[in-house]
């Protein structure tokens, strides 16, 4: 597997874990806006709004 594919897979897994954790810690949250960056000056590699119903 290429390094880029590994990085992308790890990024998605980390984001998913963080989203689940945030919904657990903030039960009143109906949705969470997510933006994942690979560097401070780079555009987001992942962005969107995740409604609780999808978790």
N, C-alpha and C. Protein backbone atom coordinates (compact mmCIF):
# COMPACT_ATOMS: atom_id res chain seq x y z
N UNK A 1 0.85 -1.17 0.00
CA UNK A 1 0.00 0.00 0.00
C UNK A 1 0.90 1.24 0.00
N UNK A 2 0.53 2.24 -0.79
CA UNK A 2 1.35 3.44 -0.89
C UNK A 2 1.28 4.27 0.39
N UNK A 3 2.29 5.10 0.60
CA UNK A 3 2.31 5.97 1.77
C UNK A 3 1.12 6.93 1.77
N UNK A 4 0.76 7.44 0.59
CA UNK A 4 -0.38 8.36 0.49
C UNK A 4 -1.67 7.66 0.91
N UNK A 5 -1.85 6.42 0.47
CA UNK A 5 -3.05 5.66 0.82
C UNK A 5 -3.08 5.38 2.32
N UNK A 6 -1.93 5.03 2.89
CA UNK A 6 -1.85 4.80 4.33
C UNK A 6 -2.19 6.07 5.11
N UNK A 7 -1.65 7.19 4.66
CA UNK A 7 -1.91 8.47 5.32
C UNK A 7 -3.40 8.81 5.25
N UNK A 8 -4.00 8.63 4.10
CA UNK A 8 -5.42 8.92 3.91
C UNK A 8 -6.29 8.02 4.78
N UNK A 9 -5.98 6.74 4.81
CA UNK A 9 -6.73 5.79 5.62
C UNK A 9 -6.63 6.15 7.10
N UNK A 10 -5.43 6.47 7.57
CA UNK A 10 -5.23 6.83 8.97
C UNK A 10 -5.98 8.12 9.30
N UNK A 11 -5.95 9.08 8.40
CA UNK A 11 -6.66 10.35 8.59
C UNK A 11 -8.16 10.11 8.77
N UNK A 12 -8.74 9.29 7.91
CA UNK A 12 -10.17 9.00 7.99
C UNK A 12 -10.52 8.25 9.28
N UNK A 13 -9.69 7.30 9.67
CA UNK A 13 -9.93 6.54 10.90
C UNK A 13 -9.84 7.45 12.12
N UNK A 14 -8.84 8.33 12.14
CA UNK A 14 -8.68 9.26 13.27
C UNK A 14 -9.86 10.23 13.35
N UNK A 15 -10.30 10.73 12.21
CA UNK A 15 -11.43 11.67 12.18
C UNK A 15 -12.70 10.98 12.68
N UNK A 16 -12.93 9.76 12.23
CA UNK A 16 -14.12 9.02 12.66
C UNK A 16 -14.10 8.79 14.17
N UNK A 17 -12.95 8.40 14.70
CA UNK A 17 -12.84 8.16 16.14
C UNK A 17 -13.09 9.45 16.92
N UNK A 18 -12.56 10.57 16.44
CA UNK A 18 -12.76 11.85 17.11
C UNK A 18 -14.23 12.27 17.08
N UNK A 19 -14.90 12.03 15.97
CA UNK A 19 -16.32 12.38 15.85
C UNK A 19 -17.15 11.57 16.84
N UNK A 20 -16.93 10.27 16.90
CA UNK A 20 -17.66 9.44 17.87
C UNK A 20 -17.41 9.92 19.30
N UNK A 21 -16.16 10.23 19.61
CA UNK A 21 -15.81 10.68 20.95
C UNK A 21 -16.49 12.01 21.28
N UNK A 22 -16.50 12.93 20.34
CA UNK A 22 -17.16 14.22 20.57
C UNK A 22 -18.66 14.04 20.81
N UNK A 23 -19.32 13.20 20.04
CA UNK A 23 -20.75 12.97 20.25
C UNK A 23 -20.99 12.33 21.61
N UNK A 24 -20.09 11.45 22.06
CA UNK A 24 -20.22 10.85 23.39
C UNK A 24 -20.06 11.90 24.49
N UNK A 25 -19.11 12.82 24.30
CA UNK A 25 -18.80 13.83 25.31
C UNK A 25 -19.76 15.01 25.31
N UNK A 26 -20.44 15.24 24.18
CA UNK A 26 -21.36 16.38 24.07
C UNK A 26 -22.72 15.84 23.61
N UNK A 27 -23.49 15.25 24.53
CA UNK A 27 -24.74 14.61 24.14
C UNK A 27 -25.77 15.57 23.54
N UNK A 28 -25.68 16.85 23.85
CA UNK A 28 -26.64 17.81 23.30
C UNK A 28 -26.31 18.24 21.87
N UNK A 29 -25.15 17.86 21.37
CA UNK A 29 -24.76 18.23 20.00
C UNK A 29 -25.58 17.44 18.99
N UNK A 30 -26.21 18.15 18.09
CA UNK A 30 -27.00 17.52 17.02
C UNK A 30 -26.15 17.25 15.79
N UNK A 31 -25.09 18.05 15.63
CA UNK A 31 -24.20 17.91 14.47
C UNK A 31 -22.84 18.50 14.85
N UNK A 32 -21.82 18.04 14.15
CA UNK A 32 -20.46 18.53 14.38
C UNK A 32 -19.86 18.90 13.04
N UNK A 33 -19.32 20.12 12.97
CA UNK A 33 -18.61 20.55 11.76
C UNK A 33 -17.16 20.09 11.89
N UNK A 34 -16.69 19.42 10.85
CA UNK A 34 -15.35 18.82 10.88
C UNK A 34 -14.50 19.41 9.76
N UNK A 35 -13.27 19.76 10.10
CA UNK A 35 -12.27 20.15 9.09
C UNK A 35 -10.95 19.54 9.52
N UNK A 36 -10.34 18.76 8.65
CA UNK A 36 -9.07 18.09 8.93
C UNK A 36 -8.03 18.64 7.97
N UNK A 37 -6.91 19.09 8.54
CA UNK A 37 -5.83 19.67 7.75
C UNK A 37 -4.58 18.80 7.84
N UNK A 38 -3.82 18.74 6.76
CA UNK A 38 -2.54 18.03 6.82
C UNK A 38 -1.41 18.97 7.20
N UNK A 39 -1.65 20.26 7.13
CA UNK A 39 -0.67 21.27 7.52
C UNK A 39 -1.37 22.60 7.74
N UNK A 40 -0.73 23.48 8.51
CA UNK A 40 -1.35 24.76 8.85
C UNK A 40 -1.69 25.60 7.64
N UNK A 41 -0.88 25.55 6.61
CA UNK A 41 -1.09 26.41 5.44
C UNK A 41 -1.78 25.69 4.29
N UNK A 42 -2.18 24.46 4.52
CA UNK A 42 -2.82 23.65 3.48
C UNK A 42 -4.34 23.74 3.59
N UNK A 43 -5.04 23.56 2.48
CA UNK A 43 -6.51 23.50 2.56
C UNK A 43 -6.93 22.20 3.26
N UNK A 44 -8.16 22.14 3.75
CA UNK A 44 -8.60 20.91 4.43
C UNK A 44 -8.59 19.71 3.49
N UNK A 45 -8.20 18.56 4.04
CA UNK A 45 -8.25 17.32 3.27
C UNK A 45 -9.59 16.62 3.47
N UNK A 46 -10.30 17.05 4.51
CA UNK A 46 -11.61 16.49 4.83
C UNK A 46 -12.42 17.60 5.49
N UNK A 47 -13.63 17.82 5.03
CA UNK A 47 -14.47 18.85 5.63
C UNK A 47 -15.94 18.50 5.43
N UNK A 48 -16.74 18.83 6.43
CA UNK A 48 -18.16 18.60 6.31
C UNK A 48 -18.86 18.71 7.65
N UNK A 49 -20.16 18.54 7.62
CA UNK A 49 -20.98 18.54 8.83
C UNK A 49 -21.54 17.14 9.01
N UNK A 50 -21.31 16.58 10.20
CA UNK A 50 -21.77 15.22 10.49
C UNK A 50 -22.93 15.30 11.47
N UNK A 51 -24.14 14.95 11.04
CA UNK A 51 -25.27 14.93 11.97
C UNK A 51 -25.19 13.70 12.87
N UNK A 52 -25.69 13.84 14.07
CA UNK A 52 -25.65 12.73 15.03
C UNK A 52 -26.28 11.46 14.45
N UNK A 53 -27.31 11.57 13.68
CA UNK A 53 -28.01 10.40 13.12
C UNK A 53 -27.09 9.49 12.31
N UNK A 54 -25.97 10.02 11.81
CA UNK A 54 -25.06 9.21 11.00
C UNK A 54 -24.01 8.50 11.83
N UNK A 55 -23.98 8.70 13.14
CA UNK A 55 -22.95 8.06 13.96
C UNK A 55 -23.48 6.82 14.61
